Amino acid sequence: MGLLAVVRAHRIGVRAKRYAGSGDLEAAQRELERAIAVAGDDNAQAIALRSNLVDVRRRLGDIDGARELGEHVAELAGRVLGEEHPLTLMAVNNLALTCQAAGDLEAARSLHERELDACRRLRGPEHPETLTSMSNLAICLYHLGDLDAATDLLERVVAASPAVRGADDPATVVATDSLGAMVAAQGDLDRAARLHLEAYETARRTLGTTHPITLDAAVNLATTQGAQGDLDGAYARLAELLDTSRRTRGPAHPDTLRVQECLVEVLRRRGDLGAARDMSAELVAASAESLGSDHPSTRDRAATHGTLGDG
């Protein structure tokens, strides 16, 4: 590949990164596909661009497309660059996150552990990339039900991240918000609410109200409000978030479905079973379309719908 092609692919890739950072994932995907067409195949630049596309596809909800590409990129990077090259580790991490989104948690755990072990050896225990790997493994462990190990790992990340990355860094915000979910699961709702509020206010100030990180923190804050008994406040916040997520991410995006799932639970707890059933039916249909009828999340949502009765 000639120098001009390298420069052109780099410029397009930088533009794609800006779009992704602002939350415009559709534009990021288009630009990455353009950059990949320029960059070619078996070189470091092409591998990095494809790995970024895996991440964008996952965040857009194209889980099957992300996993297929992710498996190809991880294999290609290991073969071309070596198993411990930074771009190979990035590809492994993106594949792990995609496996996690697909519900294949054991595969995700194995990939996260592989990447974290390499990061600790090659970069040190408090390198920003090591902290990211710790966060990702912690969230996977949380979904696997190992709450104590997950919380311990993420406490260490949240303690180190402000000094290593900065208090306003998006990764610090995400780690703080994730820790809130974990301590809520342990029953400490007051601390959970403080962590979610801290994450939400920082994300809203630094990223804007419609950024995916801001929306995630707002959903978690609303869910905690509901768990604390403020069902009216939780309903109002979630209804607004659902409208925003449908507009910015689409009605079948996994994050939109998550907001809708939380809203169903709040409606149920408020005693509005008719509205809960209607929204739950929409949720199950959209989940089957987005994730597939056999995905664990779709099966869980269908089971929950069955508990709401026939009206």
Protein backbone atom coordinates (compact mmCIF):
# COMPACT_ATOMS: atom_id res chain seq x y z
CA MET A 1 0.00 0.00 0.00
CA GLY A 2 1.41 3.38 -1.00
CA LEU A 3 2.04 6.31 1.30
CA LEU A 4 -0.86 8.34 -0.09
CA ALA A 5 -3.27 5.49 0.64
CA VAL A 6 -1.92 5.19 4.19
CA VAL A 7 -2.43 8.91 4.80
CA ARG A 8 -5.91 8.88 3.26
CA ALA A 9 -7.02 5.86 5.30
CA HIS A 10 -5.64 7.49 8.45
CA ARG A 11 -7.55 10.71 7.85
CA ILE A 12 -10.81 8.85 7.25
CA GLY A 13 -10.16 6.73 10.36
CA VAL A 14 -9.63 9.85 12.48
CA ARG A 15 -12.95 11.22 11.24
CA ALA A 16 -14.63 7.92 12.12
CA LYS A 17 -13.14 8.10 15.63
CA ARG A 18 -14.58 11.58 16.11
CA TYR A 19 -18.02 10.38 15.04
CA ALA A 20 -17.82 7.40 17.39
CA GLY A 21 -16.68 9.61 20.25
CA SER A 22 -19.67 11.91 19.73
CA GLY A 23 -22.09 8.97 19.66
CA ASP A 24 -22.84 9.13 15.90
CA LEU A 25 -22.20 5.44 15.33
CA GLU A 26 -23.88 5.22 11.92
CA ALA A 27 -21.51 7.85 10.55
CA ALA A 28 -18.56 6.15 12.26
CA GLN A 29 -19.44 2.86 10.58
CA ARG A 30 -19.65 4.47 7.14
CA GLU A 31 -16.29 6.19 7.55
CA LEU A 32 -14.58 3.04 8.85
CA GLU A 33 -15.86 1.03 5.90
CA ARG A 34 -14.46 3.71 3.57
CA ALA A 35 -11.10 3.67 5.37
CA ILE A 36 -10.91 -0.13 5.24
CA ALA A 37 -11.51 -0.09 1.47
CA VAL A 38 -8.48 2.21 1.15
CA ALA A 39 -6.23 0.44 3.69
CA GLY A 40 -6.30 -3.07 2.21
CA ASP A 41 -6.03 -6.30 4.21
CA ASP A 42 -2.98 -7.79 5.94
CA ASN A 43 -1.36 -4.73 7.52
CA ALA A 44 -1.48 -3.06 10.92
CA GLN A 45 -3.57 -0.10 9.78
CA ALA A 46 -6.20 -2.33 8.17
CA ILE A 47 -6.35 -4.52 11.28
CA ALA A 48 -6.82 -1.51 13.57
CA LEU A 49 -9.61 -0.12 11.38
CA ARG A 50 -11.40 -3.47 11.25
CA SER A 51 -11.09 -3.86 15.01
CA ASN A 52 -12.67 -0.45 15.48
CA LEU A 53 -15.47 -1.49 13.13
CA VAL A 54 -16.14 -4.54 15.33
CA ASP A 55 -16.63 -2.20 18.29
CA VAL A 56 -18.93 0.13 16.34
CA ARG A 57 -21.05 -2.73 14.99
CA ARG A 58 -21.45 -4.12 18.49
CA ARG A 59 -22.50 -0.75 19.84
CA LEU A 60 -24.99 -0.40 16.97
CA GLY A 61 -26.54 -3.74 17.96
CA ASP A 62 -25.25 -5.75 14.96
CA ILE A 63 -24.00 -8.53 17.23
CA ASP A 64 -23.77 -11.28 14.61
CA GLY A 65 -21.90 -9.03 12.18
CA ALA A 66 -19.58 -7.82 14.94
CA ARG A 67 -18.77 -11.34 16.11
CA GLU A 68 -18.08 -12.68 12.62
CA LEU A 69 -15.74 -9.79 11.86
CA GLY A 70 -14.23 -9.90 15.36
CA GLU A 71 -13.24 -13.55 15.07
CA HIS A 72 -11.62 -12.84 11.71
CA VAL A 73 -9.72 -9.79 13.00
CA ALA A 74 -8.44 -11.53 16.15
CA GLU A 75 -7.12 -14.44 14.09
CA LEU A 76 -5.62 -12.14 11.45
CA ALA A 77 -3.94 -9.89 14.02
CA GLY A 78 -2.39 -12.84 15.88
CA ARG A 79 -1.07 -14.32 12.65
CA VAL A 80 0.24 -11.10 11.10
CA LEU A 81 1.36 -9.10 14.15
CA GLY A 82 1.85 -11.68 16.92
CA GLU A 83 -0.29 -12.76 19.85
CA GLU A 84 0.91 -10.00 22.21
CA HIS A 85 0.94 -7.07 19.80
CA PRO A 86 -1.18 -4.15 21.11
CA LEU A 87 -3.50 -4.37 18.09
CA THR A 88 -3.99 -8.09 18.68
CA LEU A 89 -4.92 -7.40 22.30
CA MET A 90 -7.37 -4.73 21.12
CA ALA A 91 -8.92 -7.22 18.71
CA VAL A 92 -9.21 -9.84 21.47
CA ASN A 93 -10.87 -7.30 23.77
CA ASN A 94 -13.40 -6.26 21.11
CA LEU A 95 -14.19 -9.90 20.39
CA ALA A 96 -14.68 -10.55 24.12
CA LEU A 97 -17.12 -7.64 24.40
CA THR A 98 -19.00 -8.94 21.37
CA CYS A 99 -19.22 -12.47 22.81
CA GLN A 100 -20.54 -10.90 26.00
CA ALA A 101 -23.19 -8.96 24.07
CA ALA A 102 -24.16 -12.21 22.33
CA GLY A 103 -24.70 -13.91 25.69
CA ASP A 104 -21.67 -16.22 25.36
CA LEU A 105 -20.28 -15.26 28.76
CA GLU A 106 -17.83 -18.13 29.23
CA ALA A 107 -16.15 -17.35 25.90
CA ALA A 108 -16.08 -13.68 26.86
CA ARG A 109 -14.52 -14.46 30.25
CA SER A 110 -11.75 -16.54 28.69
CA LEU A 111 -10.91 -13.78 26.20
CA HIS A 112 -11.00 -11.04 28.87
CA GLU A 113 -8.70 -13.05 31.16
CA ARG A 114 -6.28 -13.67 28.29
CA GLU A 115 -6.14 -9.98 27.45
CA LEU A 116 -5.84 -8.82 31.07
CA ASP A 117 -2.99 -11.22 31.77
CA ALA A 118 -1.07 -9.87 28.75
CA CYS A 119 -1.80 -6.24 29.71
CA ARG A 120 -0.50 -6.69 33.24
CA ARG A 121 2.72 -8.29 31.98
CA LEU A 122 3.35 -5.90 29.10
CA ARG A 123 1.98 -2.58 30.41
CA GLY A 124 1.88 -2.80 34.20
CA PRO A 125 -0.96 -3.00 36.73
CA GLU A 126 -2.13 0.64 36.51
CA HIS A 127 -1.75 1.38 32.81
CA PRO A 128 -4.97 2.84 31.31
CA GLU A 129 -5.38 -0.20 29.05
CA THR A 130 -4.92 -2.53 32.01
CA LEU A 131 -7.63 -0.67 33.92
CA THR A 132 -9.93 -1.01 30.90
CA SER A 133 -9.26 -4.74 30.79
CA MET A 134 -10.01 -5.03 34.51
CA SER A 135 -13.30 -3.17 34.02
CA ASN A 136 -14.34 -5.40 31.16
CA LEU A 137 -13.56 -8.59 33.08
CA ALA A 138 -15.38 -7.25 36.15
CA ILE A 139 -18.55 -6.63 34.14
CA CYS A 140 -18.33 -10.10 32.61
CA LEU A 141 -17.92 -11.67 36.06
CA TYR A 142 -20.92 -9.65 37.26
CA HIS A 143 -23.09 -11.11 34.50
CA LEU A 144 -21.77 -14.57 35.32
CA GLY A 145 -22.98 -14.09 38.90
CA ASP A 146 -19.58 -13.78 40.59
CA LEU A 147 -20.55 -10.51 42.27
CA ASP A 148 -17.86 -10.41 44.96
CA ALA A 149 -14.98 -10.90 42.51
CA ALA A 150 -16.52 -8.41 40.07
CA THR A 151 -17.00 -5.72 42.71
CA ASP A 152 -13.49 -6.17 44.15
CA LEU A 153 -11.95 -5.79 40.70
CA LEU A 154 -13.98 -2.72 39.82
CA GLU A 155 -13.37 -1.01 43.19
CA ARG A 156 -9.66 -1.09 42.31
CA VAL A 157 -10.35 0.41 38.88
CA VAL A 158 -12.49 3.26 40.26
CA ALA A 159 -9.87 4.04 42.92
CA ALA A 160 -7.02 4.24 40.37
CA SER A 161 -8.78 5.70 37.33
CA PRO A 162 -9.03 9.42 38.27
CA ALA A 163 -5.28 9.68 38.79
CA VAL A 164 -4.39 7.54 35.77
CA ARG A 165 -6.96 8.80 33.25
CA GLY A 166 -8.60 11.84 34.82
CA ALA A 167 -11.86 12.22 36.72
CA ASP A 168 -13.77 13.35 33.60
CA ASP A 169 -12.41 10.67 31.27
CA PRO A 170 -15.25 8.59 29.75
CA ALA A 171 -13.63 5.37 30.96
CA THR A 172 -13.64 6.70 34.54
CA VAL A 173 -17.31 7.62 34.17
CA VAL A 174 -18.22 4.16 32.84
CA ALA A 175 -16.31 2.41 35.63
CA THR A 176 -18.04 4.56 38.28
CA ASP A 177 -21.45 3.85 36.78
CA SER A 178 -20.74 0.11 36.55
CA LEU A 179 -19.62 0.01 40.19
CA GLY A 180 -22.94 1.61 41.10
CA ALA A 181 -24.78 -1.31 39.49
CA MET A 182 -22.67 -3.80 41.39
CA VAL A 183 -23.10 -2.24 44.83
CA ALA A 184 -26.85 -1.96 44.09
CA ALA A 185 -26.90 -5.70 43.48
CA GLN A 186 -25.24 -6.11 46.89
CA GLY A 187 -28.06 -4.07 48.45
CA ASP A 188 -26.31 -0.73 49.07
CA LEU A 189 -28.81 1.43 47.18
CA ASP A 190 -27.73 4.73 48.73
CA ARG A 191 -24.14 4.33 47.57
CA ALA A 192 -25.35 3.04 44.20
CA ALA A 193 -27.47 6.16 43.71
CA ARG A 194 -24.51 8.41 44.57
CA LEU A 195 -22.25 6.61 42.09
CA HIS A 196 -24.84 6.68 39.30
CA LEU A 197 -25.56 10.35 39.93
CA GLU A 198 -21.85 11.20 39.86
CA ALA A 199 -21.44 9.31 36.58
CA TYR A 200 -24.55 10.87 35.04
CA GLU A 201 -23.68 14.45 35.96
CA THR A 202 -20.11 14.09 34.70
CA ALA A 203 -21.23 12.46 31.44
CA ARG A 204 -23.95 15.05 30.85
CA ARG A 205 -21.45 17.88 31.43
CA THR A 206 -18.63 16.46 29.33
CA LEU A 207 -20.37 14.34 26.67
CA GLY A 208 -23.89 15.77 26.32
CA THR A 209 -27.36 14.48 27.15
CA THR A 210 -27.75 12.08 24.21
CA HIS A 211 -24.35 10.39 24.37
CA PRO A 212 -24.60 6.60 24.98
CA ILE A 213 -22.56 6.84 28.20
CA THR A 214 -24.87 9.57 29.54
CA LEU A 215 -27.95 7.52 28.65
CA ASP A 216 -26.55 4.42 30.33
CA ALA A 217 -25.86 6.33 33.54
CA ALA A 218 -29.33 7.86 33.45
CA VAL A 219 -30.94 4.43 33.05
CA ASN A 220 -28.99 3.08 36.01
CA LEU A 221 -29.89 6.11 38.12
CA ALA A 222 -33.58 5.71 37.27
CA THR A 223 -33.47 1.99 38.05
CA THR A 224 -31.95 2.74 41.44
CA GLN A 225 -34.62 5.38 42.07
CA GLY A 226 -37.24 2.72 41.47
CA ALA A 227 -35.50 0.26 43.77
CA GLN A 228 -35.48 2.95 46.48
CA GLY A 229 -39.26 3.31 46.11
CA ASP A 230 -39.45 6.47 43.98
CA LEU A 231 -41.51 4.80 41.24
CA ASP A 232 -43.00 8.02 39.86
CA GLY A 233 -39.57 9.61 39.52
CA ALA A 234 -38.17 6.45 37.94
CA TYR A 235 -41.07 6.27 35.48
CA ALA A 236 -40.68 9.89 34.39
CA ARG A 237 -36.93 9.53 33.86
CA LEU A 238 -37.21 6.21 32.00
CA ALA A 239 -40.05 7.38 29.74
CA GLU A 240 -37.92 10.35 28.68
CA LEU A 241 -34.89 8.11 28.19
CA LEU A 242 -36.87 5.64 26.08
CA ASP A 243 -37.96 8.41 23.75
CA THR A 244 -34.38 9.68 23.47
CA SER A 245 -32.91 6.22 22.90
CA ARG A 246 -35.45 5.36 20.22
CA ARG A 247 -34.57 8.58 18.38
CA THR A 248 -30.78 8.36 18.74
CA ARG A 249 -30.16 4.59 18.68
CA GLY A 250 -33.26 3.08 17.11
CA PRO A 251 -36.19 1.07 18.52
CA ALA A 252 -34.48 -2.34 18.29
CA HIS A 253 -31.05 -1.34 19.63
CA PRO A 254 -30.01 -3.42 22.68
CA ASP A 255 -29.66 -0.29 24.81
CA THR A 256 -33.16 0.89 23.85
CA LEU A 257 -34.48 -2.55 24.78
CA ARG A 258 -32.76 -2.28 28.16
CA VAL A 259 -34.51 1.03 28.88
CA GLN A 260 -37.82 -0.51 27.82
CA GLU A 261 -37.21 -3.53 30.07
CA CYS A 262 -36.61 -1.26 33.06
CA LEU A 263 -39.78 0.68 32.26
CA VAL A 264 -41.83 -2.53 32.14
CA GLU A 265 -40.63 -3.37 35.65
CA VAL A 266 -41.50 0.10 36.96
CA LEU A 267 -44.98 -0.11 35.41
CA ARG A 268 -45.47 -3.53 37.01
CA ARG A 269 -44.41 -2.23 40.41
CA ARG A 270 -46.75 0.76 40.06
CA GLY A 271 -49.62 -1.68 39.46
CA ASP A 272 -50.23 -0.59 35.85
CA LEU A 273 -50.30 -4.13 34.50
CA GLY A 274 -52.09 -3.30 31.26
CA ALA A 275 -49.43 -0.83 30.18
CA ALA A 276 -46.72 -3.20 31.43
CA ARG A 277 -48.13 -6.08 29.32
CA ASP A 278 -48.37 -3.95 26.19
CA MET A 279 -44.83 -2.64 26.52
CA SER A 280 -43.52 -6.08 27.44
CA ALA A 281 -45.05 -7.59 24.28
CA GLU A 282 -43.34 -4.91 22.17
CA LEU A 283 -40.09 -5.59 24.03
CA VAL A 284 -40.12 -9.35 23.40
CA ALA A 285 -40.82 -8.86 19.68
CA ALA A 286 -38.09 -6.23 19.30
CA SER A 287 -35.62 -8.34 21.30
CA ALA A 288 -36.24 -11.36 19.08
CA GLU A 289 -35.70 -9.20 16.00
CA SER A 290 -32.53 -7.57 17.32
CA LEU A 291 -30.85 -10.40 19.24
CA GLY A 292 -32.65 -13.55 18.09
CA SER A 293 -35.31 -15.63 19.81
CA ASP A 294 -32.73 -17.92 21.45
CA HIS A 295 -30.63 -15.13 22.99
CA PRO A 296 -30.64 -15.30 26.82
CA SER A 297 -32.00 -11.75 27.08
CA THR A 298 -34.90 -12.54 24.74
CA ARG A 299 -35.74 -15.71 26.66
CA ASP A 300 -35.64 -13.83 29.98
CA ARG A 301 -37.90 -11.10 28.60
CA ALA A 302 -40.36 -13.66 27.24
CA ALA A 303 -40.44 -15.39 30.63
CA THR A 304 -41.08 -12.07 32.37
CA HIS A 305 -43.89 -11.32 29.92
CA GLY A 306 -45.49 -14.62 30.84
CA THR A 307 -45.69 -13.53 34.48
CA LEU A 308 -47.76 -10.45 33.61
CA GLY A 309 -50.85 -12.45 32.66
CA ASP A 310 -53.19 -12.04 29.69
CA GLY A 311 -55.09 -8.94 30.82
